[in-house]
Amino acid sequence: MANLDNSIVVGQNVREIRKNLNLTQEEFAEKLNINAQFLSQIETGKAGISIDNAINICNTANCSSNKLFKNLIKSPDNIDNYELLSDRDKNVINEMIKILLDTK
């Protein structure tokens, strides 16, 4: 049962990653070299992903595995949490770091 729940969470994360790229299922599936129907099954949790597919998703979407496995693997490290932020939020953090460093 936990395995099915994990597939659902991963599927939701894959959908979020795809939507952040502004790609349709067909477009993302093509980039991943998988069938669009299989991507749909992944996104709905009806199919799990292999390690190869997980790596392919992260590399294709230019995201960390933290984003793919969000809400499944706990990572308290701030650097890991940074990877979960949107690009806009990362830019805000980067600017704050620059300002803090400039004030020393």
N, C-alpha and C. Protein backbone atom coordinates (compact mmCIF):
# COMPACT_ATOMS: atom_id res chain seq x y z
N MET A 1 0.82 -1.21 0.00
CA MET A 1 0.00 0.00 0.00
C MET A 1 0.87 1.27 0.00
N ALA A 2 1.93 1.27 0.79
CA ALA A 2 2.81 2.44 0.84
C ALA A 2 3.44 2.68 -0.52
N ASN A 3 3.72 1.60 -1.25
CA ASN A 3 4.30 1.71 -2.57
C ASN A 3 3.38 2.48 -3.51
N LEU A 4 2.07 2.18 -3.45
CA LEU A 4 1.09 2.89 -4.28
C LEU A 4 1.06 4.36 -3.89
N ASP A 5 1.06 4.63 -2.59
CA ASP A 5 1.06 6.02 -2.12
C ASP A 5 2.29 6.76 -2.63
N ASN A 6 3.45 6.09 -2.61
CA ASN A 6 4.68 6.71 -3.10
C ASN A 6 4.56 7.03 -4.58
N SER A 7 3.97 6.13 -5.34
CA SER A 7 3.79 6.36 -6.78
C SER A 7 2.89 7.56 -7.03
N ILE A 8 1.87 7.71 -6.20
CA ILE A 8 0.96 8.85 -6.35
C ILE A 8 1.70 10.15 -6.07
N VAL A 9 2.51 10.18 -5.01
CA VAL A 9 3.26 11.40 -4.67
C VAL A 9 4.28 11.72 -5.76
N VAL A 10 5.02 10.71 -6.22
CA VAL A 10 5.98 10.94 -7.30
C VAL A 10 5.25 11.44 -8.54
N GLY A 11 4.11 10.85 -8.85
CA GLY A 11 3.33 11.28 -10.00
C GLY A 11 2.91 12.73 -9.89
N GLN A 12 2.47 13.14 -8.71
CA GLN A 12 2.09 14.54 -8.50
C GLN A 12 3.30 15.46 -8.69
N ASN A 13 4.46 15.00 -8.21
CA ASN A 13 5.68 15.79 -8.36
C ASN A 13 6.10 15.90 -9.83
N VAL A 14 5.97 14.80 -10.57
CA VAL A 14 6.29 14.82 -11.99
C VAL A 14 5.37 15.80 -12.72
N ARG A 15 4.08 15.76 -12.39
CA ARG A 15 3.13 16.68 -13.01
C ARG A 15 3.51 18.13 -12.70
N GLU A 16 3.88 18.41 -11.45
CA GLU A 16 4.27 19.76 -11.07
C GLU A 16 5.54 20.20 -11.82
N ILE A 17 6.50 19.30 -11.94
CA ILE A 17 7.72 19.59 -12.68
C ILE A 17 7.38 19.91 -14.13
N ARG A 18 6.55 19.08 -14.74
CA ARG A 18 6.15 19.28 -16.14
C ARG A 18 5.44 20.61 -16.32
N LYS A 19 4.50 20.91 -15.42
CA LYS A 19 3.73 22.16 -15.53
C LYS A 19 4.62 23.38 -15.34
N ASN A 20 5.62 23.26 -14.45
CA ASN A 20 6.57 24.37 -14.27
C ASN A 20 7.38 24.63 -15.53
N LEU A 21 7.53 23.61 -16.36
CA LEU A 21 8.22 23.76 -17.63
C LEU A 21 7.27 24.23 -18.74
N ASN A 22 6.00 24.37 -18.40
CA ASN A 22 4.97 24.77 -19.37
C ASN A 22 4.91 23.81 -20.56
N LEU A 23 4.97 22.51 -20.26
CA LEU A 23 4.91 21.50 -21.30
C LEU A 23 3.66 20.65 -21.14
N THR A 24 3.11 20.22 -22.26
CA THR A 24 2.01 19.26 -22.22
C THR A 24 2.61 17.89 -21.90
N GLN A 25 1.74 16.93 -21.60
CA GLN A 25 2.21 15.58 -21.38
C GLN A 25 2.92 15.05 -22.62
N GLU A 26 2.36 15.34 -23.77
CA GLU A 26 2.96 14.87 -25.02
C GLU A 26 4.35 15.46 -25.23
N GLU A 27 4.49 16.76 -24.98
CA GLU A 27 5.78 17.42 -25.16
C GLU A 27 6.84 16.89 -24.19
N PHE A 28 6.43 16.74 -22.91
CA PHE A 28 7.38 16.25 -21.90
C PHE A 28 7.75 14.80 -22.18
N ALA A 29 6.76 14.00 -22.55
CA ALA A 29 7.02 12.59 -22.86
C ALA A 29 8.01 12.48 -24.02
N GLU A 30 7.86 13.34 -25.02
CA GLU A 30 8.77 13.32 -26.16
C GLU A 30 10.20 13.64 -25.72
N LYS A 31 10.33 14.64 -24.85
CA LYS A 31 11.66 15.00 -24.34
C LYS A 31 12.27 13.85 -23.53
N LEU A 32 11.41 13.09 -22.84
CA LEU A 32 11.87 11.98 -22.01
C LEU A 32 12.06 10.69 -22.80
N ASN A 33 11.65 10.72 -24.07
CA ASN A 33 11.68 9.52 -24.91
C ASN A 33 10.84 8.38 -24.33
N ILE A 34 9.67 8.77 -23.82
CA ILE A 34 8.71 7.78 -23.35
C ILE A 34 7.36 8.06 -24.00
N ASN A 35 6.47 7.11 -23.89
CA ASN A 35 5.12 7.23 -24.45
C ASN A 35 4.30 8.19 -23.59
N ALA A 36 3.50 9.06 -24.22
CA ALA A 36 2.67 10.02 -23.49
C ALA A 36 1.68 9.30 -22.58
N GLN A 37 1.18 8.15 -22.99
CA GLN A 37 0.25 7.38 -22.15
C GLN A 37 0.96 6.89 -20.89
N PHE A 38 2.23 6.48 -21.03
CA PHE A 38 3.00 6.05 -19.87
C PHE A 38 3.22 7.22 -18.92
N LEU A 39 3.52 8.42 -19.46
CA LEU A 39 3.69 9.61 -18.62
C LEU A 39 2.40 9.90 -17.87
N SER A 40 1.27 9.76 -18.54
CA SER A 40 -0.02 9.97 -17.89
C SER A 40 -0.20 8.99 -16.72
N GLN A 41 0.18 7.74 -16.93
CA GLN A 41 0.08 6.74 -15.87
C GLN A 41 1.01 7.07 -14.70
N ILE A 42 2.19 7.60 -15.01
CA ILE A 42 3.11 8.02 -13.94
C ILE A 42 2.48 9.15 -13.14
N GLU A 43 1.96 10.16 -13.84
CA GLU A 43 1.41 11.34 -13.18
C GLU A 43 0.20 11.01 -12.31
N THR A 44 -0.54 9.97 -12.66
CA THR A 44 -1.71 9.59 -11.86
C THR A 44 -1.37 8.54 -10.82
N GLY A 45 -0.11 8.11 -10.77
CA GLY A 45 0.31 7.12 -9.78
C GLY A 45 -0.03 5.70 -10.15
N LYS A 46 -0.52 5.49 -11.38
CA LYS A 46 -0.87 4.14 -11.82
C LYS A 46 0.35 3.34 -12.24
N ALA A 47 1.46 4.05 -12.52
CA ALA A 47 2.72 3.41 -12.88
C ALA A 47 3.84 4.08 -12.08
N GLY A 48 4.76 3.29 -11.62
CA GLY A 48 5.93 3.83 -10.94
C GLY A 48 7.01 4.16 -11.95
N ILE A 49 8.10 4.72 -11.46
CA ILE A 49 9.21 5.05 -12.35
C ILE A 49 10.45 4.28 -11.94
N SER A 50 11.25 3.98 -12.93
CA SER A 50 12.53 3.31 -12.69
C SER A 50 13.56 4.36 -12.27
N ILE A 51 14.69 3.88 -11.80
CA ILE A 51 15.79 4.80 -11.49
C ILE A 51 16.22 5.54 -12.75
N ASP A 52 16.28 4.83 -13.87
CA ASP A 52 16.66 5.48 -15.13
C ASP A 52 15.68 6.59 -15.50
N ASN A 53 14.38 6.34 -15.33
CA ASN A 53 13.39 7.38 -15.63
C ASN A 53 13.50 8.55 -14.66
N ALA A 54 13.78 8.26 -13.38
CA ALA A 54 13.94 9.34 -12.39
C ALA A 54 15.11 10.23 -12.78
N ILE A 55 16.22 9.61 -13.14
CA ILE A 55 17.40 10.39 -13.56
C ILE A 55 17.08 11.19 -14.81
N ASN A 56 16.41 10.57 -15.76
CA ASN A 56 16.05 11.23 -17.01
C ASN A 56 15.15 12.44 -16.75
N ILE A 57 14.17 12.29 -15.87
CA ILE A 57 13.26 13.39 -15.54
C ILE A 57 14.05 14.55 -14.94
N CYS A 58 14.91 14.25 -13.96
CA CYS A 58 15.69 15.31 -13.31
C CYS A 58 16.62 16.01 -14.30
N ASN A 59 17.30 15.24 -15.14
CA ASN A 59 18.22 15.84 -16.11
C ASN A 59 17.46 16.63 -17.18
N THR A 60 16.37 16.10 -17.66
CA THR A 60 15.59 16.79 -18.70
C THR A 60 14.97 18.08 -18.16
N ALA A 61 14.46 18.03 -16.93
CA ALA A 61 13.81 19.19 -16.33
C ALA A 61 14.80 20.11 -15.62
N ASN A 62 16.07 19.70 -15.57
CA ASN A 62 17.10 20.47 -14.87
C ASN A 62 16.68 20.76 -13.43
N CYS A 63 16.25 19.71 -12.74
CA CYS A 63 15.83 19.85 -11.35
C CYS A 63 16.53 18.79 -10.50
N SER A 64 16.51 18.98 -9.22
CA SER A 64 17.15 18.03 -8.32
C SER A 64 16.20 16.87 -8.02
N SER A 65 16.77 15.80 -7.54
CA SER A 65 15.96 14.66 -7.13
C SER A 65 15.07 15.04 -5.94
N ASN A 66 15.47 16.07 -5.20
CA ASN A 66 14.63 16.54 -4.09
C ASN A 66 13.26 16.97 -4.59
N LYS A 67 13.24 17.60 -5.74
CA LYS A 67 11.97 18.06 -6.30
C LYS A 67 11.12 16.87 -6.75
N LEU A 68 11.77 15.87 -7.34
CA LEU A 68 11.06 14.69 -7.81
C LEU A 68 10.49 13.88 -6.65
N PHE A 69 11.23 13.81 -5.55
CA PHE A 69 10.80 12.99 -4.41
C PHE A 69 10.30 13.85 -3.24
N LYS A 70 9.88 15.08 -3.55
CA LYS A 70 9.34 15.98 -2.53
C LYS A 70 8.20 15.30 -1.79
N ASN A 71 8.15 15.47 -0.51
CA ASN A 71 7.14 14.90 0.39
C ASN A 71 7.32 13.39 0.61
N LEU A 72 8.40 12.83 0.11
CA LEU A 72 8.69 11.42 0.35
C LEU A 72 9.97 11.25 1.15
N ILE A 73 10.98 12.03 0.82
CA ILE A 73 12.27 11.93 1.48
C ILE A 73 12.49 13.21 2.28
N LYS A 74 12.74 13.06 3.54
CA LYS A 74 12.97 14.21 4.40
C LYS A 74 14.42 14.67 4.26
N SER A 75 14.61 15.95 4.00
CA SER A 75 15.96 16.49 3.92
C SER A 75 15.98 17.85 4.62
N PRO A 76 16.46 17.86 5.85
CA PRO A 76 16.43 19.09 6.63
C PRO A 76 17.49 20.11 6.23
N ASP A 77 18.42 19.73 5.36
CA ASP A 77 19.49 20.62 4.98
C ASP A 77 18.96 21.79 4.15
N ASN A 78 19.36 23.01 4.49
CA ASN A 78 18.87 24.20 3.78
C ASN A 78 19.26 24.20 2.31
N ILE A 79 20.41 23.65 1.99
CA ILE A 79 20.82 23.60 0.58
C ILE A 79 19.87 22.71 -0.19
N ASP A 80 19.46 21.60 0.41
CA ASP A 80 18.48 20.73 -0.25
C ASP A 80 17.14 21.44 -0.39
N ASN A 81 16.73 22.14 0.66
CA ASN A 81 15.46 22.86 0.61
C ASN A 81 15.48 23.95 -0.45
N TYR A 82 16.63 24.57 -0.64
CA TYR A 82 16.78 25.61 -1.67
C TYR A 82 16.38 25.06 -3.03
N GLU A 83 16.74 23.81 -3.29
CA GLU A 83 16.43 23.19 -4.58
C GLU A 83 14.93 23.05 -4.81
N LEU A 84 14.14 23.07 -3.76
CA LEU A 84 12.69 22.93 -3.88
C LEU A 84 12.00 24.25 -4.22
N LEU A 85 12.74 25.35 -4.14
CA LEU A 85 12.16 26.66 -4.39
C LEU A 85 11.95 26.90 -5.88
N SER A 86 11.01 27.79 -6.16
CA SER A 86 10.82 28.21 -7.56
C SER A 86 12.00 29.09 -7.96
N ASP A 87 12.18 29.28 -9.26
CA ASP A 87 13.27 30.13 -9.74
C ASP A 87 13.14 31.55 -9.20
N ARG A 88 11.93 32.05 -9.10
CA ARG A 88 11.71 33.41 -8.57
C ARG A 88 12.19 33.49 -7.13
N ASP A 89 11.83 32.49 -6.31
CA ASP A 89 12.23 32.48 -4.90
C ASP A 89 13.74 32.32 -4.76
N LYS A 90 14.35 31.51 -5.64
CA LYS A 90 15.80 31.36 -5.61
C LYS A 90 16.47 32.70 -5.91
N ASN A 91 15.93 33.46 -6.87
CA ASN A 91 16.49 34.77 -7.19
C ASN A 91 16.41 35.72 -6.00
N VAL A 92 15.29 35.67 -5.27
CA VAL A 92 15.14 36.51 -4.07
C VAL A 92 16.20 36.15 -3.04
N ILE A 93 16.37 34.85 -2.80
CA ILE A 93 17.37 34.39 -1.83
C ILE A 93 18.77 34.81 -2.27
N ASN A 94 19.08 34.63 -3.55
CA ASN A 94 20.40 35.00 -4.07
C ASN A 94 20.67 36.49 -3.87
N GLU A 95 19.66 37.32 -4.13
CA GLU A 95 19.82 38.76 -3.92
C GLU A 95 20.03 39.09 -2.45
N MET A 96 19.30 38.41 -1.57
CA MET A 96 19.47 38.63 -0.13
C MET A 96 20.88 38.26 0.31
N ILE A 97 21.41 37.17 -0.22
CA ILE A 97 22.77 36.75 0.12
C ILE A 97 23.78 37.80 -0.34
N LYS A 98 23.59 38.31 -1.56
CA LYS A 98 24.49 39.36 -2.07
C LYS A 98 24.46 40.59 -1.17
N ILE A 99 23.26 41.00 -0.78
CA ILE A 99 23.13 42.18 0.08
C ILE A 99 23.81 41.94 1.42
N LEU A 100 23.58 40.78 2.01
CA LEU A 100 24.22 40.47 3.29
C LEU A 100 25.74 40.44 3.19
N LEU A 101 26.26 39.90 2.12
CA LEU A 101 27.71 39.84 1.93
C LEU A 101 28.30 41.24 1.69
N ASP A 102 27.54 42.09 1.01
CA ASP A 102 28.01 43.46 0.73
C ASP A 102 28.04 44.33 1.98
N THR A 103 27.32 43.97 3.02
CA THR A 103 27.25 44.78 4.23
C THR A 103 28.36 44.43 5.23
N LYS A 104 29.15 43.42 4.91
CA LYS A 104 30.25 43.04 5.84
C LYS A 104 31.45 43.89 5.65
